[in-house]
């Protein structure tokens, strides 16, 4: 199998990415439409960042609560 054949088989094209690429080609990078798309991408990523930051805070708070607990050994009769 040639290298060109392998490259074709390993490329995965996301339908959403293809859709936005087609829109970019149709409207061009200097259109107002493209400006809105660029800003929406930035806002989407900021939303993901906010979600991740909140989740990190929750996990850190849970970790602090668990640190104060002590383990007690309990003997069990057979």
C-alpha atoms as a PDB file:
ATOM      1  CA  UNK A   1       0.000   0.000   0.000  1.00  0.00           C
ATOM      2  CA  UNK A   2       1.476   3.376  -0.997  1.00  0.00           C
ATOM      3  CA  UNK A   3       1.874   6.344   1.326  1.00  0.00           C
ATOM      4  CA  UNK A   4      -0.724   8.338  -0.601  1.00  0.00           C
ATOM      5  CA  UNK A   5      -3.293   5.589  -0.130  1.00  0.00           C
ATOM      6  CA  UNK A   6      -2.625   5.471   3.641  1.00  0.00           C
ATOM      7  CA  UNK A   7      -3.076   9.227   4.020  1.00  0.00           C
ATOM      8  CA  UNK A   8      -6.469   9.087   2.309  1.00  0.00           C
ATOM      9  CA  UNK A   9      -7.666   6.329   4.618  1.00  0.00           C
ATOM     10  CA  UNK A  10      -6.572   7.985   7.874  1.00  0.00           C
ATOM     11  CA  UNK A  11      -8.206  11.371   7.232  1.00  0.00           C
ATOM     12  CA  UNK A  12     -11.509  11.827   9.034  1.00  0.00           C
ATOM     13  CA  UNK A  13     -13.602  14.787   7.958  1.00  0.00           C
ATOM     14  CA  UNK A  14     -16.100  15.992  10.545  1.00  0.00           C
ATOM     15  CA  UNK A  15     -19.430  16.962   8.921  1.00  0.00           C
ATOM     16  CA  UNK A  16     -19.679  20.123  11.042  1.00  0.00           C
ATOM     17  CA  UNK A  17     -16.142  21.196  10.114  1.00  0.00           C
ATOM     18  CA  UNK A  18     -16.904  20.539   6.452  1.00  0.00           C
ATOM     19  CA  UNK A  19     -20.084  22.634   6.732  1.00  0.00           C
ATOM     20  CA  UNK A  20     -18.222  25.611   8.211  1.00  0.00           C
ATOM     21  CA  UNK A  21     -15.428  25.262   5.659  1.00  0.00           C
ATOM     22  CA  UNK A  22     -18.019  25.395   2.866  1.00  0.00           C
ATOM     23  CA  UNK A  23     -19.606  28.491   4.419  1.00  0.00           C
ATOM     24  CA  UNK A  24     -16.215  30.152   4.628  1.00  0.00           C
ATOM     25  CA  UNK A  25     -15.614  29.449   0.948  1.00  0.00           C
ATOM     26  CA  UNK A  26     -19.063  30.783   0.000  1.00  0.00           C
ATOM     27  CA  UNK A  27     -18.951  34.023   1.988  1.00  0.00           C
ATOM     28  CA  UNK A  28     -15.224  34.701   2.257  1.00  0.00           C
ATOM     29  CA  UNK A  29     -13.151  35.629   5.300  1.00  0.00           C
ATOM     30  CA  UNK A  30     -13.874  39.348   5.083  1.00  0.00           C
ATOM     31  CA  UNK A  31     -17.660  39.134   5.353  1.00  0.00           C
ATOM     32  CA  UNK A  32     -19.740  40.047   8.407  1.00  0.00           C
ATOM     33  CA  UNK A  33     -20.976  36.475   8.440  1.00  0.00           C
ATOM     34  CA  UNK A  34     -17.440  35.164   8.877  1.00  0.00           C
ATOM     35  CA  UNK A  35     -16.824  37.696  11.673  1.00  0.00           C
ATOM     36  CA  UNK A  36     -19.858  36.359  13.540  1.00  0.00           C
ATOM     37  CA  UNK A  37     -18.683  32.775  13.096  1.00  0.00           C
ATOM     38  CA  UNK A  38     -15.237  33.633  14.427  1.00  0.00           C
ATOM     39  CA  UNK A  39     -16.691  35.328  17.502  1.00  0.00           C
ATOM     40  CA  UNK A  40     -19.049  32.419  18.102  1.00  0.00           C
ATOM     41  CA  UNK A  41     -16.103  30.005  18.072  1.00  0.00           C
ATOM     42  CA  UNK A  42     -14.343  32.135  20.662  1.00  0.00           C
ATOM     43  CA  UNK A  43     -17.473  32.289  22.843  1.00  0.00           C
ATOM     44  CA  UNK A  44     -17.931  28.535  22.550  1.00  0.00           C
ATOM     45  CA  UNK A  45     -14.368  27.927  23.732  1.00  0.00           C
ATOM     46  CA  UNK A  46     -14.821  30.402  26.601  1.00  0.00           C
ATOM     47  CA  UNK A  47     -17.923  28.451  27.618  1.00  0.00           C
ATOM     48  CA  UNK A  48     -15.970  25.203  27.627  1.00  0.00           C
ATOM     49  CA  UNK A  49     -13.244  26.863  29.705  1.00  0.00           C
ATOM     50  CA  UNK A  50     -15.828  28.109  32.230  1.00  0.00           C
ATOM     51  CA  UNK A  51     -17.317  24.617  32.480  1.00  0.00           C
ATOM     52  CA  UNK A  52     -13.894  23.071  33.090  1.00  0.00           C
ATOM     53  CA  UNK A  53     -12.993  25.726  35.709  1.00  0.00           C
ATOM     54  CA  UNK A  54     -16.240  25.051  37.599  1.00  0.00           C
ATOM     55  CA  UNK A  55     -15.652  21.316  37.515  1.00  0.00           C
ATOM     56  CA  UNK A  56     -12.090  21.753  38.824  1.00  0.00           C
ATOM     57  CA  UNK A  57     -13.418  23.886  41.705  1.00  0.00           C
ATOM     58  CA  UNK A  58     -15.995  21.221  42.602  1.00  0.00           C
ATOM     59  CA  UNK A  59     -13.354  18.503  42.644  1.00  0.00           C
ATOM     60  CA  UNK A  60     -10.977  20.605  44.737  1.00  0.00           C
ATOM     61  CA  UNK A  61     -13.715  21.364  47.280  1.00  0.00           C
ATOM     62  CA  UNK A  62     -14.614  17.691  47.469  1.00  0.00           C
ATOM     63  CA  UNK A  63     -10.946  16.824  47.988  1.00  0.00           C
ATOM     64  CA  UNK A  64     -10.662  19.295  50.882  1.00  0.00           C
ATOM     65  CA  UNK A  65     -13.749  17.830  52.562  1.00  0.00           C
ATOM     66  CA  UNK A  66     -12.344  14.311  52.250  1.00  0.00           C
ATOM     67  CA  UNK A  67      -8.973  15.335  53.746  1.00  0.00           C
ATOM     68  CA  UNK A  68     -10.548  16.175  57.108  1.00  0.00           C
ATOM     69  CA  UNK A  69     -12.056  12.710  57.538  1.00  0.00           C
ATOM     70  CA  UNK A  70     -10.192  10.065  59.493  1.00  0.00           C
ATOM     71  CA  UNK A  71     -10.282   6.373  58.830  1.00  0.00           C
ATOM     72  CA  UNK A  72     -11.304   4.238  61.804  1.00  0.00           C
ATOM     73  CA  UNK A  73     -10.471   0.582  61.914  1.00  0.00           C
ATOM     74  CA  UNK A  74     -13.382  -1.566  63.045  1.00  0.00           C
ATOM     75  CA  UNK A  75     -12.803  -5.091  64.269  1.00  0.00           C
ATOM     76  CA  UNK A  76     -15.326  -7.634  63.055  1.00  0.00           C
ATOM     77  CA  UNK A  77     -16.006 -10.892  64.877  1.00  0.00           C
ATOM     78  CA  UNK A  78     -16.039 -14.112  62.860  1.00  0.00           C
END
